Amino acid sequence: MAATGGAADASLKQEEALAAAFEEKHAELVAEARGVAREFGVDVRAVAFRPVGGGGGGAVVHEFQGIPPAARVVRTIRRAVAKDVSAMGMEEVAQHERQLLALRNIVVRELQARKKATAAKKAMDVAIDGAATKRAPEQQEEVAGGGGESKVRKIIID
């Protein structure tokens, strides 16, 4: 029995050592994958397999995106636009044209929304500036008068 207990302890220590080594190497792999994704602007998928004895032997998957979401959209649009039309049949050309028109409509809507937003912002800025510089006529005359001159105003009542 003591021999089995010693073998079990040795086996347990070996599994712990494997798990510790896996965690260390896994951390290195994740750091390197993240660095490659950032440096080169590419998507990286890192897959590491756990040791069979330690934690079930399953795969650990990490994905790192080196391309911003806006760049992904641009890339997708460029791919859709850049299809080789000469190799397409008539149905494919018609479908491609519909896709391009849909993309065009999306772009037009986005541009119109941006234009409205900038126009609203300009109108707000003008309203704020106008409210800050507006003065009553009496105040305008005082400002225009200058030098302490007194102004006399006639009020005509019909």
C-alpha atoms as a PDB file:
ATOM      1  CA  MET A   1       0.000   0.000   0.000  1.00  0.00           C
ATOM      2  CA  ALA A   2       2.817   2.356   0.822  1.00  0.00           C
ATOM      3  CA  ALA A   3       4.266   1.718  -2.617  1.00  0.00           C
ATOM      4  CA  THR A   4       0.985   2.667  -4.294  1.00  0.00           C
ATOM      5  CA  GLY A   5       0.732   5.783  -2.149  1.00  0.00           C
ATOM      6  CA  GLY A   6       4.274   6.772  -3.147  1.00  0.00           C
ATOM      7  CA  ALA A   7       3.499   6.125  -6.818  1.00  0.00           C
ATOM      8  CA  ALA A   8       0.338   8.210  -6.552  1.00  0.00           C
ATOM      9  CA  ASP A   9       2.292  11.049  -4.943  1.00  0.00           C
ATOM     10  CA  ALA A  10       4.915  10.879  -7.687  1.00  0.00           C
ATOM     11  CA  SER A  11       2.199  10.830 -10.336  1.00  0.00           C
ATOM     12  CA  LEU A  12       0.465  13.793  -8.717  1.00  0.00           C
ATOM     13  CA  LYS A  13       3.723  15.747  -8.542  1.00  0.00           C
ATOM     14  CA  GLN A  14       4.419  14.966 -12.193  1.00  0.00           C
ATOM     15  CA  GLU A  15       0.941  16.185 -13.215  1.00  0.00           C
ATOM     16  CA  GLU A  16       1.407  19.377 -11.194  1.00  0.00           C
ATOM     17  CA  ALA A  17       4.788  19.938 -12.857  1.00  0.00           C
ATOM     18  CA  LEU A  18       3.199  19.400 -16.293  1.00  0.00           C
ATOM     19  CA  ALA A  19       0.373  21.800 -15.448  1.00  0.00           C
ATOM     20  CA  ALA A  20       2.827  24.449 -14.222  1.00  0.00           C
ATOM     21  CA  ALA A  21       4.954  24.058 -17.367  1.00  0.00           C
ATOM     22  CA  PHE A  22       1.829  24.279 -19.520  1.00  0.00           C
ATOM     23  CA  GLU A  23       0.673  27.481 -17.815  1.00  0.00           C
ATOM     24  CA  GLU A  24       4.113  29.050 -18.247  1.00  0.00           C
ATOM     25  CA  LYS A  25       4.392  28.152 -21.941  1.00  0.00           C
ATOM     26  CA  HIS A  26       0.748  29.047 -22.516  1.00  0.00           C
ATOM     27  CA  ALA A  27       1.334  32.543 -21.102  1.00  0.00           C
ATOM     28  CA  GLU A  28       4.327  32.955 -23.450  1.00  0.00           C
ATOM     29  CA  LEU A  29       2.247  31.808 -26.428  1.00  0.00           C
ATOM     30  CA  VAL A  30      -0.583  34.214 -25.613  1.00  0.00           C
ATOM     31  CA  ALA A  31       1.835  37.135 -25.182  1.00  0.00           C
ATOM     32  CA  GLU A  32       3.555  36.382 -28.495  1.00  0.00           C
ATOM     33  CA  ALA A  33       0.264  35.969 -30.359  1.00  0.00           C
ATOM     34  CA  ARG A  34      -1.026  39.275 -28.991  1.00  0.00           C
ATOM     35  CA  GLY A  35       2.241  40.970 -30.002  1.00  0.00           C
ATOM     36  CA  VAL A  36       2.086  39.612 -33.553  1.00  0.00           C
ATOM     37  CA  ALA A  37      -1.545  40.734 -33.922  1.00  0.00           C
ATOM     38  CA  ARG A  38      -0.696  44.260 -32.803  1.00  0.00           C
ATOM     39  CA  GLU A  39       2.560  44.599 -34.703  1.00  0.00           C
ATOM     40  CA  PHE A  40       1.387  43.315 -38.062  1.00  0.00           C
ATOM     41  CA  GLY A  41      -2.315  44.219 -37.879  1.00  0.00           C
ATOM     42  CA  VAL A  42      -3.473  40.675 -38.536  1.00  0.00           C
ATOM     43  CA  ASP A  43      -5.851  38.325 -36.768  1.00  0.00           C
ATOM     44  CA  VAL A  44      -4.124  35.580 -34.804  1.00  0.00           C
ATOM     45  CA  ARG A  45      -5.675  32.420 -33.385  1.00  0.00           C
ATOM     46  CA  ALA A  46      -3.555  30.644 -30.792  1.00  0.00           C
ATOM     47  CA  VAL A  47      -4.439  27.056 -29.910  1.00  0.00           C
ATOM     48  CA  ALA A  48      -2.770  25.215 -27.043  1.00  0.00           C
ATOM     49  CA  PHE A  49      -3.536  21.646 -25.984  1.00  0.00           C
ATOM     50  CA  ARG A  50      -3.472  20.854 -22.287  1.00  0.00           C
ATOM     51  CA  PRO A  51      -1.407  17.858 -21.180  1.00  0.00           C
ATOM     52  CA  VAL A  52      -3.551  14.726 -21.137  1.00  0.00           C
ATOM     53  CA  GLY A  53      -2.804  13.877 -17.512  1.00  0.00           C
ATOM     54  CA  GLY A  54      -3.379  17.354 -16.053  1.00  0.00           C
ATOM     55  CA  GLY A  55      -6.626  19.024 -16.921  1.00  0.00           C
ATOM     56  CA  GLY A  56      -8.490  16.757 -19.253  1.00  0.00           C
ATOM     57  CA  GLY A  57      -6.393  17.306 -22.378  1.00  0.00           C
ATOM     58  CA  GLY A  58      -8.697  19.900 -23.927  1.00  0.00           C
ATOM     59  CA  ALA A  59      -7.706  22.647 -26.331  1.00  0.00           C
ATOM     60  CA  VAL A  60      -7.437  26.276 -25.223  1.00  0.00           C
ATOM     61  CA  VAL A  61      -8.164  28.760 -28.008  1.00  0.00           C
ATOM     62  CA  HIS A  62      -7.435  32.499 -27.975  1.00  0.00           C
ATOM     63  CA  GLU A  63      -8.198  34.906 -30.815  1.00  0.00           C
ATOM     64  CA  PHE A  64      -6.527  38.291 -31.136  1.00  0.00           C
ATOM     65  CA  GLN A  65      -7.730  40.847 -33.654  1.00  0.00           C
ATOM     66  CA  GLY A  66      -5.070  43.121 -35.033  1.00  0.00           C
ATOM     67  CA  ILE A  67      -7.427  44.985 -37.357  1.00  0.00           C
ATOM     68  CA  PRO A  68      -9.875  47.567 -35.975  1.00  0.00           C
ATOM     69  CA  PRO A  69     -13.596  46.910 -36.675  1.00  0.00           C
ATOM     70  CA  ALA A  70     -13.841  49.899 -39.039  1.00  0.00           C
ATOM     71  CA  ALA A  71     -10.988  48.512 -41.132  1.00  0.00           C
ATOM     72  CA  ARG A  72     -12.795  45.150 -41.282  1.00  0.00           C
ATOM     73  CA  VAL A  73     -15.860  46.829 -42.750  1.00  0.00           C
ATOM     74  CA  VAL A  74     -13.744  48.667 -45.312  1.00  0.00           C
ATOM     75  CA  ARG A  75     -11.969  45.429 -46.242  1.00  0.00           C
ATOM     76  CA  THR A  76     -15.298  43.612 -46.674  1.00  0.00           C
ATOM     77  CA  ILE A  77     -16.662  46.388 -48.864  1.00  0.00           C
ATOM     78  CA  ARG A  78     -13.521  46.450 -51.002  1.00  0.00           C
ATOM     79  CA  ARG A  79     -13.718  42.688 -51.448  1.00  0.00           C
ATOM     80  CA  ALA A  80     -17.358  42.953 -52.537  1.00  0.00           C
ATOM     81  CA  VAL A  81     -16.591  45.752 -54.979  1.00  0.00           C
ATOM     82  CA  ALA A  82     -13.446  44.172 -56.424  1.00  0.00           C
ATOM     83  CA  LYS A  83     -15.060  40.977 -57.732  1.00  0.00           C
ATOM     84  CA  ASP A  84     -14.088  39.983 -61.239  1.00  0.00           C
ATOM     85  CA  VAL A  85     -17.222  40.747 -63.226  1.00  0.00           C
ATOM     86  CA  SER A  86     -15.831  39.354 -66.498  1.00  0.00           C
ATOM     87  CA  ALA A  87     -15.880  35.816 -65.077  1.00  0.00           C
ATOM     88  CA  MET A  88     -19.498  36.072 -63.862  1.00  0.00           C
ATOM     89  CA  GLY A  89     -22.679  34.922 -65.487  1.00  0.00           C
ATOM     90  CA  MET A  90     -25.622  37.273 -66.025  1.00  0.00           C
ATOM     91  CA  GLU A  91     -27.352  36.271 -62.778  1.00  0.00           C
ATOM     92  CA  GLU A  92     -24.164  36.787 -60.799  1.00  0.00           C
ATOM     93  CA  VAL A  93     -23.639  40.198 -62.398  1.00  0.00           C
ATOM     94  CA  ALA A  94     -27.192  41.220 -61.509  1.00  0.00           C
ATOM     95  CA  GLN A  95     -26.738  40.036 -57.915  1.00  0.00           C
ATOM     96  CA  HIS A  96     -23.377  41.827 -57.688  1.00  0.00           C
ATOM     97  CA  GLU A  97     -24.984  45.012 -58.994  1.00  0.00           C
ATOM     98  CA  ARG A  98     -27.720  44.744 -56.338  1.00  0.00           C
ATOM     99  CA  GLN A  99     -25.065  44.328 -53.646  1.00  0.00           C
ATOM    100  CA  LEU A 100     -23.191  47.372 -54.912  1.00  0.00           C
ATOM    101  CA  LEU A 101     -26.375  49.450 -54.968  1.00  0.00           C
ATOM    102  CA  ALA A 102     -27.173  48.364 -51.413  1.00  0.00           C
ATOM    103  CA  LEU A 103     -23.668  49.358 -50.314  1.00  0.00           C
ATOM    104  CA  ARG A 104     -24.032  52.685 -52.123  1.00  0.00           C
ATOM    105  CA  ASN A 105     -27.322  53.351 -50.341  1.00  0.00           C
ATOM    106  CA  ILE A 106     -25.703  52.605 -46.990  1.00  0.00           C
ATOM    107  CA  VAL A 107     -22.881  55.029 -47.755  1.00  0.00           C
ATOM    108  CA  VAL A 108     -25.313  57.725 -48.917  1.00  0.00           C
ATOM    109  CA  ARG A 109     -27.384  57.355 -45.729  1.00  0.00           C
ATOM    110  CA  GLU A 110     -24.263  57.565 -43.596  1.00  0.00           C
ATOM    111  CA  LEU A 111     -23.059  60.678 -45.421  1.00  0.00           C
ATOM    112  CA  GLN A 112     -26.472  62.320 -45.075  1.00  0.00           C
ATOM    113  CA  ALA A 113     -26.547  61.527 -41.362  1.00  0.00           C
ATOM    114  CA  ARG A 114     -23.091  63.042 -40.929  1.00  0.00           C
ATOM    115  CA  LYS A 115     -24.114  66.112 -42.935  1.00  0.00           C
ATOM    116  CA  LYS A 116     -27.221  66.587 -40.771  1.00  0.00           C
ATOM    117  CA  ALA A 117     -25.177  66.164 -37.617  1.00  0.00           C
ATOM    118  CA  THR A 118     -22.620  68.763 -38.691  1.00  0.00           C
ATOM    119  CA  ALA A 119     -25.370  71.166 -39.797  1.00  0.00           C
ATOM    120  CA  ALA A 120     -27.139  70.755 -36.454  1.00  0.00           C
ATOM    121  CA  LYS A 121     -23.856  71.307 -34.620  1.00  0.00           C
ATOM    122  CA  LYS A 122     -23.150  74.460 -36.640  1.00  0.00           C
ATOM    123  CA  ALA A 123     -26.672  75.751 -35.985  1.00  0.00           C
ATOM    124  CA  MET A 124     -26.215  75.081 -32.274  1.00  0.00           C
ATOM    125  CA  ASP A 125     -22.859  76.879 -32.280  1.00  0.00           C
ATOM    126  CA  VAL A 126     -24.356  79.872 -34.125  1.00  0.00           C
ATOM    127  CA  ALA A 127     -27.278  79.991 -31.694  1.00  0.00           C
ATOM    128  CA  ILE A 128     -24.929  79.880 -28.721  1.00  0.00           C
ATOM    129  CA  ASP A 129     -22.624  82.519 -30.215  1.00  0.00           C
ATOM    130  CA  GLY A 130     -25.599  84.682 -31.196  1.00  0.00           C
ATOM    131  CA  ALA A 131     -27.077  84.507 -27.703  1.00  0.00           C
ATOM    132  CA  ALA A 132     -23.745  85.456 -26.175  1.00  0.00           C
ATOM    133  CA  THR A 133     -23.232  88.514 -28.425  1.00  0.00           C
ATOM    134  CA  LYS A 134     -26.814  89.821 -28.536  1.00  0.00           C
ATOM    135  CA  ARG A 135     -27.389  92.969 -26.517  1.00  0.00           C
ATOM    136  CA  ALA A 136     -30.247  95.276 -25.941  1.00  0.00           C
ATOM    137  CA  PRO A 137     -30.284  98.431 -28.164  1.00  0.00           C
ATOM    138  CA  GLU A 138     -29.388 100.579 -25.167  1.00  0.00           C
ATOM    139  CA  GLN A 139     -26.340  98.470 -24.468  1.00  0.00           C
ATOM    140  CA  GLN A 140     -25.319  98.620 -28.116  1.00  0.00           C
ATOM    141  CA  GLU A 141     -25.458 102.412 -28.107  1.00  0.00           C
ATOM    142  CA  GLU A 142     -23.397 102.585 -24.947  1.00  0.00           C
ATOM    143  CA  VAL A 143     -20.801 100.338 -26.479  1.00  0.00           C
ATOM    144  CA  ALA A 144     -20.874 102.298 -29.736  1.00  0.00           C
ATOM    145  CA  GLY A 145     -20.759 105.668 -27.926  1.00  0.00           C
ATOM    146  CA  GLY A 146     -17.462 105.313 -26.161  1.00  0.00           C
ATOM    147  CA  GLY A 147     -15.561 107.983 -24.264  1.00  0.00           C
ATOM    148  CA  GLY A 148     -18.334 108.603 -21.720  1.00  0.00           C
ATOM    149  CA  GLU A 149     -20.519 110.608 -24.131  1.00  0.00           C
ATOM    150  CA  SER A 150     -24.152 110.729 -23.145  1.00  0.00           C
ATOM    151  CA  LYS A 151     -26.660 109.747 -25.738  1.00  0.00           C
ATOM    152  CA  VAL A 152     -30.109 111.225 -25.937  1.00  0.00           C
ATOM    153  CA  ARG A 153     -32.814 109.114 -27.502  1.00  0.00           C
ATOM    154  CA  LYS A 154     -36.093 110.411 -28.795  1.00  0.00           C
ATOM    155  CA  ILE A 155     -39.105 108.276 -28.310  1.00  0.00           C
ATOM    156  CA  ILE A 156     -41.872 109.115 -30.738  1.00  0.00           C
ATOM    157  CA  ILE A 157     -45.346 108.050 -29.731  1.00  0.00           C
ATOM    158  CA  ASP A 158     -48.138 108.298 -32.248  1.00  0.00           C
END
